[in-house]
Amino acid sequence: MEPKPAKYFVAFLLADPTLRSAVEAEIVSALGAIDGRSAMSEWQQSKYYAAEMGAKLWRGFLSFKALHGADQLAAIKLQTRVIENKFRDTVSSGRRVNLDPGYLDTLKVVLASTKNAKQRVYLNSGIYAEAALVYHHGEFHGQAYTYPDYRTPQALEFFEQTRSIYVEQLRQSAIRSSQP
């Protein structure tokens, strides 16, 4: 039996919130129509990107209507890296956009990364994956290693809503496939 397709999302950090429309247009050209969008909020979880992107960053999440196989995660991460490079600062060559794709299914939220860590599994092409959130007792829960910004009420609400859309998509797909 073939696994169910996954629902993809992109978490983004922007150095300039006015870049959102242009960044979304690039992402849509790569991943298709957006069906979920979080509000943007100031990102204050860490100073990790401050030297490259600046001290004030904006976080948001997007989800995509089309479902794809979980095996597409590495390829999608590579596509988002190309998009990041399109928005590099022409003077410093630093990123102004950080895009982190992932997918969810009914049981978990999986993130892609270019960095290895003890909880990450190598996929291919220099890309790793980790299950950052798991779903049980009717909601998503973080792991000991889950990034703090994926545990915020805003992020958890986004993933709960995205999971609801995904479950309905699976239900509709099952209805269509059972019809003669």
N, C-alpha and C. Protein backbone atom coordinates (compact mmCIF):
# COMPACT_ATOMS: atom_id res chain seq x y z
N MET A 1 0.84 -1.17 0.00
CA MET A 1 0.00 0.00 0.00
C MET A 1 0.89 1.25 0.00
N GLU A 2 0.59 2.16 -0.88
CA GLU A 2 1.36 3.40 -0.98
C GLU A 2 0.97 4.36 0.14
N PRO A 3 1.96 5.07 0.72
CA PRO A 3 1.62 6.01 1.80
C PRO A 3 0.77 7.18 1.28
N LYS A 4 0.01 7.76 2.18
CA LYS A 4 -0.79 8.93 1.84
C LYS A 4 0.13 10.09 1.50
N PRO A 5 -0.31 10.96 0.61
CA PRO A 5 0.51 12.14 0.33
C PRO A 5 0.56 13.05 1.56
N ALA A 6 1.53 13.92 1.58
CA ALA A 6 1.73 14.83 2.70
C ALA A 6 1.30 16.25 2.32
N LYS A 7 1.07 17.05 3.33
CA LYS A 7 0.70 18.46 3.13
C LYS A 7 1.92 19.31 3.45
N TYR A 8 2.38 20.05 2.47
CA TYR A 8 3.60 20.85 2.64
C TYR A 8 3.30 22.25 3.16
N PHE A 9 4.29 22.78 3.86
CA PHE A 9 4.24 24.15 4.36
C PHE A 9 5.63 24.76 4.24
N VAL A 10 5.70 26.06 4.37
CA VAL A 10 6.97 26.77 4.46
C VAL A 10 6.88 27.73 5.63
N ALA A 11 7.86 27.64 6.52
CA ALA A 11 8.03 28.63 7.58
C ALA A 11 9.02 29.65 7.03
N PHE A 12 8.72 30.93 7.20
CA PHE A 12 9.64 31.93 6.67
C PHE A 12 10.02 32.95 7.73
N LEU A 13 11.23 33.46 7.57
CA LEU A 13 11.72 34.61 8.33
C LEU A 13 12.07 35.67 7.29
N LEU A 14 11.61 36.88 7.53
CA LEU A 14 11.87 38.00 6.63
C LEU A 14 12.60 39.11 7.38
N ALA A 15 13.63 39.66 6.75
CA ALA A 15 14.31 40.82 7.33
C ALA A 15 13.48 42.08 7.11
N ASP A 16 12.64 42.06 6.08
CA ASP A 16 11.79 43.20 5.73
C ASP A 16 10.39 42.66 5.43
N PRO A 17 9.39 43.01 6.24
CA PRO A 17 8.05 42.43 6.03
C PRO A 17 7.43 42.81 4.69
N THR A 18 7.93 43.87 4.04
CA THR A 18 7.37 44.23 2.73
C THR A 18 7.79 43.24 1.64
N LEU A 19 8.70 42.34 1.93
CA LEU A 19 9.10 41.31 0.97
C LEU A 19 8.09 40.18 0.86
N ARG A 20 7.14 40.12 1.78
CA ARG A 20 6.24 38.97 1.85
C ARG A 20 5.56 38.66 0.52
N SER A 21 4.98 39.63 -0.14
CA SER A 21 4.26 39.37 -1.39
C SER A 21 5.17 38.81 -2.47
N ALA A 22 6.35 39.39 -2.61
CA ALA A 22 7.29 38.91 -3.63
C ALA A 22 7.78 37.50 -3.31
N VAL A 23 8.06 37.25 -2.04
CA VAL A 23 8.51 35.92 -1.62
C VAL A 23 7.39 34.90 -1.86
N GLU A 24 6.17 35.24 -1.48
CA GLU A 24 5.05 34.33 -1.70
C GLU A 24 4.87 34.02 -3.18
N ALA A 25 5.03 35.01 -4.04
CA ALA A 25 4.89 34.78 -5.49
C ALA A 25 5.93 33.76 -5.97
N GLU A 26 7.14 33.86 -5.48
CA GLU A 26 8.19 32.90 -5.85
C GLU A 26 7.86 31.50 -5.33
N ILE A 27 7.39 31.44 -4.10
CA ILE A 27 7.06 30.14 -3.51
C ILE A 27 5.89 29.50 -4.26
N VAL A 28 4.90 30.29 -4.62
CA VAL A 28 3.75 29.77 -5.37
C VAL A 28 4.20 29.20 -6.70
N SER A 29 5.15 29.86 -7.36
CA SER A 29 5.63 29.34 -8.64
C SER A 29 6.32 27.99 -8.47
N ALA A 30 6.88 27.75 -7.29
CA ALA A 30 7.56 26.47 -7.04
C ALA A 30 6.64 25.41 -6.47
N LEU A 31 5.73 25.79 -5.54
CA LEU A 31 4.94 24.81 -4.80
C LEU A 31 3.44 24.84 -5.08
N GLY A 32 2.98 25.82 -5.82
CA GLY A 32 1.56 25.88 -6.14
C GLY A 32 0.80 26.78 -5.18
N ALA A 33 -0.51 26.73 -5.33
CA ALA A 33 -1.41 27.63 -4.61
C ALA A 33 -1.31 27.48 -3.10
N ILE A 34 -1.39 28.61 -2.44
CA ILE A 34 -1.39 28.67 -0.98
C ILE A 34 -2.82 28.47 -0.48
N ASP A 35 -3.00 27.62 0.53
CA ASP A 35 -4.34 27.46 1.10
C ASP A 35 -4.38 27.79 2.59
N GLY A 36 -3.26 28.19 3.15
CA GLY A 36 -3.22 28.60 4.55
C GLY A 36 -2.10 29.59 4.77
N ARG A 37 -2.39 30.59 5.59
CA ARG A 37 -1.44 31.68 5.81
C ARG A 37 -1.57 32.15 7.24
N SER A 38 -0.48 32.15 7.98
CA SER A 38 -0.52 32.69 9.35
C SER A 38 -0.30 34.19 9.29
N ALA A 39 -0.63 34.84 10.38
CA ALA A 39 -0.23 36.24 10.54
C ALA A 39 1.28 36.26 10.72
N MET A 40 1.90 37.38 10.37
CA MET A 40 3.32 37.55 10.64
C MET A 40 3.48 38.13 12.04
N SER A 41 4.54 37.70 12.71
CA SER A 41 4.82 38.26 14.02
C SER A 41 6.32 38.47 14.14
N GLU A 42 6.70 39.39 15.01
CA GLU A 42 8.11 39.63 15.21
C GLU A 42 8.74 38.39 15.83
N TRP A 43 9.86 37.96 15.29
CA TRP A 43 10.54 36.75 15.72
C TRP A 43 11.56 37.12 16.79
N GLN A 44 11.36 36.59 18.00
CA GLN A 44 12.24 36.94 19.11
C GLN A 44 12.81 35.72 19.82
N GLN A 45 12.79 34.57 19.16
CA GLN A 45 13.21 33.33 19.81
C GLN A 45 14.72 33.18 19.94
N SER A 46 15.49 33.88 19.11
CA SER A 46 16.94 33.71 19.14
C SER A 46 17.61 34.85 18.39
N LYS A 47 18.90 34.96 18.57
CA LYS A 47 19.72 35.94 17.83
C LYS A 47 20.52 35.24 16.72
N TYR A 48 20.19 33.99 16.45
CA TYR A 48 20.96 33.16 15.54
C TYR A 48 21.18 33.82 14.17
N TYR A 49 20.15 34.46 13.64
CA TYR A 49 20.25 35.04 12.29
C TYR A 49 20.60 36.53 12.30
N ALA A 50 20.81 37.13 13.45
CA ALA A 50 20.99 38.59 13.54
C ALA A 50 22.18 39.09 12.72
N ALA A 51 23.30 38.42 12.77
CA ALA A 51 24.48 38.89 12.03
C ALA A 51 24.24 38.88 10.53
N GLU A 52 23.53 37.89 10.04
CA GLU A 52 23.29 37.77 8.60
C GLU A 52 22.08 38.57 8.14
N MET A 53 20.98 38.51 8.90
CA MET A 53 19.72 39.05 8.41
C MET A 53 19.27 40.33 9.12
N GLY A 54 19.88 40.65 10.24
CA GLY A 54 19.48 41.83 11.00
C GLY A 54 18.81 41.42 12.30
N ALA A 55 18.65 42.39 13.18
CA ALA A 55 18.14 42.11 14.53
C ALA A 55 16.63 41.93 14.57
N LYS A 56 15.90 42.57 13.66
CA LYS A 56 14.44 42.49 13.69
C LYS A 56 13.96 41.64 12.51
N LEU A 57 13.40 40.48 12.83
CA LEU A 57 12.93 39.54 11.81
C LEU A 57 11.45 39.26 12.03
N TRP A 58 10.80 38.81 10.96
CA TRP A 58 9.37 38.52 10.98
C TRP A 58 9.14 37.08 10.59
N ARG A 59 8.32 36.36 11.39
CA ARG A 59 8.03 34.94 11.19
C ARG A 59 6.61 34.77 10.66
N GLY A 60 6.45 33.84 9.76
CA GLY A 60 5.13 33.46 9.28
C GLY A 60 5.18 32.06 8.70
N PHE A 61 3.99 31.52 8.41
CA PHE A 61 3.86 30.17 7.87
C PHE A 61 2.88 30.18 6.70
N LEU A 62 3.14 29.35 5.70
CA LEU A 62 2.25 29.16 4.57
C LEU A 62 2.02 27.67 4.39
N SER A 63 0.83 27.28 3.97
CA SER A 63 0.59 25.89 3.57
C SER A 63 0.08 25.89 2.14
N PHE A 64 0.18 24.73 1.49
CA PHE A 64 -0.09 24.63 0.07
C PHE A 64 -1.18 23.62 -0.22
N LYS A 65 -2.01 23.96 -1.18
CA LYS A 65 -3.18 23.16 -1.51
C LYS A 65 -2.81 21.77 -2.03
N ALA A 66 -1.86 21.71 -2.93
CA ALA A 66 -1.49 20.43 -3.54
C ALA A 66 -0.80 19.54 -2.52
N LEU A 67 -1.14 18.28 -2.53
CA LEU A 67 -0.49 17.28 -1.69
C LEU A 67 0.60 16.59 -2.52
N HIS A 68 1.71 16.28 -1.86
CA HIS A 68 2.84 15.63 -2.54
C HIS A 68 3.36 14.52 -1.64
N GLY A 69 4.12 13.62 -2.22
CA GLY A 69 4.74 12.56 -1.44
C GLY A 69 5.75 13.11 -0.46
N ALA A 70 5.87 12.47 0.67
CA ALA A 70 6.85 12.88 1.67
C ALA A 70 8.27 12.78 1.11
N ASP A 71 8.46 11.96 0.12
CA ASP A 71 9.79 11.80 -0.48
C ASP A 71 10.23 13.01 -1.29
N GLN A 72 9.39 14.02 -1.41
CA GLN A 72 9.75 15.24 -2.13
C GLN A 72 10.40 16.30 -1.24
N LEU A 73 10.54 16.03 0.05
CA LEU A 73 11.01 17.04 1.00
C LEU A 73 12.38 17.60 0.63
N ALA A 74 13.34 16.77 0.33
CA ALA A 74 14.69 17.27 0.00
C ALA A 74 14.64 18.15 -1.25
N ALA A 75 13.92 17.73 -2.28
CA ALA A 75 13.83 18.52 -3.51
C ALA A 75 13.18 19.88 -3.25
N ILE A 76 12.17 19.90 -2.39
CA ILE A 76 11.49 21.16 -2.07
C ILE A 76 12.42 22.06 -1.26
N LYS A 77 13.19 21.51 -0.34
CA LYS A 77 14.17 22.31 0.41
C LYS A 77 15.17 22.95 -0.56
N LEU A 78 15.63 22.20 -1.53
CA LEU A 78 16.58 22.75 -2.51
C LEU A 78 15.93 23.87 -3.32
N GLN A 79 14.65 23.73 -3.67
CA GLN A 79 13.94 24.80 -4.39
C GLN A 79 13.85 26.06 -3.53
N THR A 80 13.59 25.91 -2.25
CA THR A 80 13.46 27.10 -1.40
C THR A 80 14.82 27.78 -1.21
N ARG A 81 15.88 27.05 -1.28
CA ARG A 81 17.22 27.67 -1.19
C ARG A 81 17.47 28.56 -2.40
N VAL A 82 17.01 28.12 -3.57
CA VAL A 82 17.13 28.95 -4.78
C VAL A 82 16.35 30.26 -4.59
N ILE A 83 15.15 30.16 -4.02
CA ILE A 83 14.34 31.36 -3.78
C ILE A 83 15.04 32.28 -2.78
N GLU A 84 15.59 31.72 -1.71
CA GLU A 84 16.33 32.54 -0.75
C GLU A 84 17.43 33.35 -1.45
N ASN A 85 18.14 32.69 -2.35
CA ASN A 85 19.25 33.35 -3.05
C ASN A 85 18.77 34.50 -3.93
N LYS A 86 17.56 34.43 -4.45
CA LYS A 86 17.02 35.52 -5.27
C LYS A 86 16.83 36.80 -4.47
N PHE A 87 16.67 36.66 -3.16
CA PHE A 87 16.41 37.82 -2.30
C PHE A 87 17.63 38.25 -1.49
N ARG A 88 18.80 37.73 -1.80
CA ARG A 88 20.01 38.11 -1.06
C ARG A 88 20.28 39.60 -1.20
N ASP A 89 20.84 40.17 -0.16
CA ASP A 89 21.24 41.57 -0.17
C ASP A 89 22.37 41.74 -1.19
N THR A 90 22.24 42.69 -2.10
CA THR A 90 23.24 42.86 -3.14
C THR A 90 24.56 43.43 -2.62
N VAL A 91 24.53 44.09 -1.47
CA VAL A 91 25.75 44.66 -0.90
C VAL A 91 26.47 43.64 -0.01
N SER A 92 25.78 43.10 0.98
CA SER A 92 26.42 42.19 1.94
C SER A 92 26.36 40.73 1.50
N SER A 93 25.53 40.43 0.54
CA SER A 93 25.22 39.07 0.06
C SER A 93 24.58 38.20 1.14
N GLY A 94 24.15 38.82 2.24
CA GLY A 94 23.44 38.09 3.29
C GLY A 94 22.00 37.82 2.89
N ARG A 95 21.43 36.82 3.52
CA ARG A 95 20.03 36.51 3.24
C ARG A 95 19.11 37.57 3.85
N ARG A 96 18.05 37.86 3.15
CA ARG A 96 16.98 38.69 3.69
C ARG A 96 15.75 37.83 3.93
N VAL A 97 15.82 36.59 3.43
CA VAL A 97 14.71 35.64 3.53
C VAL A 97 15.27 34.28 3.93
N ASN A 98 14.64 33.66 4.90
CA ASN A 98 14.98 32.30 5.30
C ASN A 98 13.72 31.46 5.15
N LEU A 99 13.80 30.43 4.32
CA LEU A 99 12.64 29.57 4.05
C LEU A 99 12.93 28.16 4.54
N ASP A 100 12.05 27.66 5.39
CA ASP A 100 12.19 26.31 5.92
C ASP A 100 10.94 25.50 5.58
N PRO A 101 11.04 24.67 4.54
CA PRO A 101 9.89 23.84 4.20
C PRO A 101 9.79 22.62 5.09
N GLY A 102 8.60 22.08 5.11
CA GLY A 102 8.34 20.85 5.81
C GLY A 102 7.00 20.31 5.36
N TYR A 103 6.59 19.23 5.97
CA TYR A 103 5.27 18.69 5.67
C TYR A 103 4.64 18.18 6.94
N LEU A 104 3.34 18.01 6.87
CA LEU A 104 2.65 17.34 7.96
C LEU A 104 1.81 16.23 7.38
N ASP A 105 1.60 15.25 8.22
CA ASP A 105 0.62 14.21 7.94
C ASP A 105 -0.26 14.12 9.18
N THR A 106 -1.03 13.10 9.33
CA THR A 106 -1.94 13.05 10.47
C THR A 106 -1.22 12.86 11.80
N LEU A 107 0.05 12.44 11.76
CA LEU A 107 0.77 12.09 12.98
C LEU A 107 1.88 13.04 13.39
N LYS A 108 2.38 13.87 12.45
CA LYS A 108 3.58 14.63 12.77
C LYS A 108 3.78 15.81 11.82
N VAL A 109 4.67 16.71 12.27
CA VAL A 109 5.18 17.81 11.45
C VAL A 109 6.66 17.53 11.26
N VAL A 110 7.09 17.48 10.00
CA VAL A 110 8.47 17.15 9.66
C VAL A 110 9.12 18.37 9.01
N LEU A 111 10.31 18.73 9.48
CA LEU A 111 11.06 19.86 8.94
C LEU A 111 12.26 19.38 8.15
N ALA A 112 12.64 20.17 7.14
CA ALA A 112 13.86 19.92 6.38
C ALA A 112 14.94 20.87 6.88
N SER A 113 16.19 20.41 6.85
CA SER A 113 17.31 21.22 7.28
C SER A 113 18.56 20.85 6.50
N THR A 114 19.46 21.80 6.37
CA THR A 114 20.76 21.50 5.78
C THR A 114 21.78 21.14 6.86
N LYS A 115 21.37 21.23 8.12
CA LYS A 115 22.28 20.96 9.24
C LYS A 115 21.98 19.59 9.87
N ASN A 116 23.02 18.82 10.09
CA ASN A 116 22.87 17.53 10.75
C ASN A 116 22.73 17.75 12.26
N ALA A 117 22.04 16.87 12.91
CA ALA A 117 21.90 16.85 14.37
C ALA A 117 21.50 15.44 14.77
N LYS A 118 21.62 15.14 16.05
CA LYS A 118 21.39 13.76 16.51
C LYS A 118 19.99 13.24 16.21
N GLN A 119 18.99 14.13 16.13
CA GLN A 119 17.62 13.70 15.90
C GLN A 119 17.24 13.73 14.42
N ARG A 120 18.15 14.13 13.56
CA ARG A 120 17.84 14.27 12.14
C ARG A 120 18.29 13.06 11.34
N VAL A 121 17.53 12.79 10.30
CA VAL A 121 17.79 11.68 9.40
C VAL A 121 18.19 12.25 8.04
N TYR A 122 19.26 11.72 7.48
CA TYR A 122 19.71 12.19 6.17
C TYR A 122 18.75 11.71 5.09
N LEU A 123 18.37 12.62 4.20
CA LEU A 123 17.51 12.27 3.07
C LEU A 123 18.37 12.08 1.82
N ASN A 124 18.85 13.20 1.28
CA ASN A 124 19.77 13.20 0.15
C ASN A 124 20.16 14.64 -0.16
N SER A 125 21.13 14.82 -1.04
CA SER A 125 21.54 16.14 -1.52
C SER A 125 21.86 17.12 -0.39
N GLY A 126 22.38 16.62 0.73
CA GLY A 126 22.74 17.48 1.85
C GLY A 126 21.57 17.92 2.71
N ILE A 127 20.43 17.25 2.59
CA ILE A 127 19.22 17.63 3.32
C ILE A 127 18.87 16.56 4.35
N TYR A 128 18.51 17.03 5.54
CA TYR A 128 18.11 16.19 6.66
C TYR A 128 16.65 16.48 7.00
N ALA A 129 16.03 15.56 7.73
CA ALA A 129 14.64 15.74 8.17
C ALA A 129 14.52 15.39 9.65
N GLU A 130 13.58 16.06 10.31
CA GLU A 130 13.28 15.71 11.70
C GLU A 130 11.79 15.90 11.96
N ALA A 131 11.24 15.03 12.79
CA ALA A 131 9.84 15.17 13.24
C ALA A 131 9.86 16.14 14.41
N ALA A 132 9.43 17.38 14.16
CA ALA A 132 9.51 18.44 15.17
C ALA A 132 8.31 18.44 16.11
N LEU A 133 7.16 18.08 15.59
CA LEU A 133 5.93 18.02 16.39
C LEU A 133 5.27 16.68 16.14
N VAL A 134 4.67 16.12 17.18
CA VAL A 134 3.90 14.88 17.02
C VAL A 134 2.46 15.15 17.48
N TYR A 135 1.53 14.46 16.85
CA TYR A 135 0.12 14.66 17.13
C TYR A 135 -0.40 13.52 18.00
N HIS A 136 -0.89 13.88 19.17
CA HIS A 136 -1.58 12.90 20.02
C HIS A 136 -2.49 13.65 20.97
N HIS A 137 -3.51 12.95 21.45
CA HIS A 137 -4.52 13.53 22.33
C HIS A 137 -5.13 14.80 21.73
N GLY A 138 -5.30 14.78 20.40
CA GLY A 138 -6.01 15.86 19.72
C GLY A 138 -5.24 17.14 19.49
N GLU A 139 -3.90 17.10 19.66
CA GLU A 139 -3.12 18.32 19.39
C GLU A 139 -1.66 17.98 19.14
N PHE A 140 -0.93 18.97 18.58
CA PHE A 140 0.49 18.79 18.33
C PHE A 140 1.28 19.10 19.60
N HIS A 141 2.36 18.32 19.78
CA HIS A 141 3.26 18.49 20.92
C HIS A 141 4.69 18.51 20.42
N GLY A 142 5.51 19.38 21.01
CA GLY A 142 6.91 19.46 20.65
C GLY A 142 7.74 18.36 21.30
N GLN A 143 8.93 18.21 20.78
CA GLN A 143 9.92 17.28 21.33
C GLN A 143 10.94 18.11 22.11
N ALA A 144 11.85 17.45 22.79
CA ALA A 144 12.88 18.17 23.55
C ALA A 144 13.70 19.07 22.64
N TYR A 145 13.88 18.69 21.38
CA TYR A 145 14.70 19.44 20.44
C TYR A 145 13.91 20.40 19.55
N THR A 146 12.60 20.44 19.69
CA THR A 146 11.78 21.29 18.82
C THR A 146 12.12 22.75 19.01
N TYR A 147 12.29 23.46 17.90
CA TYR A 147 12.58 24.90 17.97
C TYR A 147 11.47 25.61 18.75
N PRO A 148 11.84 26.57 19.60
CA PRO A 148 10.83 27.27 20.41
C PRO A 148 9.73 27.94 19.58
N ASP A 149 10.08 28.46 18.39
CA ASP A 149 9.05 29.14 17.60
C ASP A 149 8.03 28.18 16.99
N TYR A 150 8.30 26.89 17.00
CA TYR A 150 7.31 25.91 16.55
C TYR A 150 6.39 25.49 17.70
N ARG A 151 6.70 25.93 18.90
CA ARG A 151 5.88 25.64 20.07
C ARG A 151 4.98 26.81 20.47
N THR A 152 5.10 27.93 19.77
CA THR A 152 4.30 29.11 20.12
C THR A 152 2.83 28.85 19.82
N PRO A 153 1.93 29.52 20.52
CA PRO A 153 0.50 29.37 20.21
C PRO A 153 0.19 29.65 18.74
N GLN A 154 0.84 30.66 18.15
CA GLN A 154 0.61 30.99 16.74
C GLN A 154 0.98 29.82 15.84
N ALA A 155 2.15 29.23 16.06
CA ALA A 155 2.59 28.11 15.22
C ALA A 155 1.70 26.90 15.42
N LEU A 156 1.41 26.57 16.67
CA LEU A 156 0.56 25.39 16.93
C LEU A 156 -0.83 25.57 16.33
N GLU A 157 -1.38 26.78 16.41
CA GLU A 157 -2.68 27.04 15.80
C GLU A 157 -2.60 26.86 14.28
N PHE A 158 -1.54 27.37 13.67
CA PHE A 158 -1.37 27.19 12.23
C PHE A 158 -1.33 25.71 11.87
N PHE A 159 -0.55 24.92 12.59
CA PHE A 159 -0.43 23.51 12.27
C PHE A 159 -1.73 22.74 12.55
N GLU A 160 -2.46 23.13 13.57
CA GLU A 160 -3.76 22.48 13.85
C GLU A 160 -4.73 22.78 12.69
N GLN A 161 -4.79 24.03 12.25
CA GLN A 161 -5.67 24.40 11.15
C GLN A 161 -5.25 23.71 9.86
N THR A 162 -3.95 23.66 9.61
CA THR A 162 -3.44 23.01 8.41
C THR A 162 -3.75 21.52 8.43
N ARG A 163 -3.62 20.89 9.60
CA ARG A 163 -3.96 19.48 9.72
C ARG A 163 -5.44 19.24 9.44
N SER A 164 -6.30 20.14 9.91
CA SER A 164 -7.75 20.01 9.64
C SER A 164 -8.04 20.07 8.15
N ILE A 165 -7.39 21.00 7.46
CA ILE A 165 -7.55 21.10 6.00
C ILE A 165 -7.06 19.82 5.34
N TYR A 166 -5.92 19.33 5.78
CA TYR A 166 -5.33 18.11 5.23
C TYR A 166 -6.25 16.90 5.43
N VAL A 167 -6.78 16.73 6.61
CA VAL A 167 -7.68 15.61 6.89
C VAL A 167 -8.91 15.68 5.98
N GLU A 168 -9.43 16.87 5.78
CA GLU A 168 -10.58 17.03 4.87
C GLU A 168 -10.17 16.71 3.43
N GLN A 169 -8.98 17.12 3.02
CA GLN A 169 -8.51 16.77 1.68
C GLN A 169 -8.42 15.26 1.50
N LEU A 170 -7.90 14.57 2.50
CA LEU A 170 -7.82 13.11 2.43
C LEU A 170 -9.21 12.49 2.35
N ARG A 171 -10.15 13.02 3.13
CA ARG A 171 -11.52 12.52 3.13
C ARG A 171 -12.15 12.70 1.76
N GLN A 172 -12.00 13.88 1.19
CA GLN A 172 -12.57 14.15 -0.14
C GLN A 172 -11.93 13.27 -1.21
N SER A 173 -10.64 13.04 -1.09
CA SER A 173 -9.93 12.17 -2.03
C SER A 173 -10.44 10.73 -1.94
N ALA A 174 -10.69 10.27 -0.73
CA ALA A 174 -11.21 8.90 -0.53
C ALA A 174 -12.61 8.79 -1.11
N ILE A 175 -13.43 9.82 -0.95
CA ILE A 175 -14.78 9.80 -1.52
C ILE A 175 -14.70 9.74 -3.04
N ARG A 176 -13.83 10.57 -3.64
CA ARG A 176 -13.70 10.59 -5.11
C ARG A 176 -13.20 9.26 -5.64
N SER A 177 -12.24 8.66 -4.93
CA SER A 177 -11.66 7.41 -5.42
C SER A 177 -12.61 6.22 -5.24
N SER A 178 -13.60 6.34 -4.37
CA SER A 178 -14.53 5.24 -4.17
C SER A 178 -15.74 5.33 -5.11
N GLN A 179 -15.88 6.45 -5.81
CA GLN A 179 -17.00 6.60 -6.73
C GLN A 179 -16.68 5.93 -8.06
N PRO A 180 -17.70 5.32 -8.68
CA PRO A 180 -17.45 4.62 -9.96
C PRO A 180 -17.15 5.58 -11.09
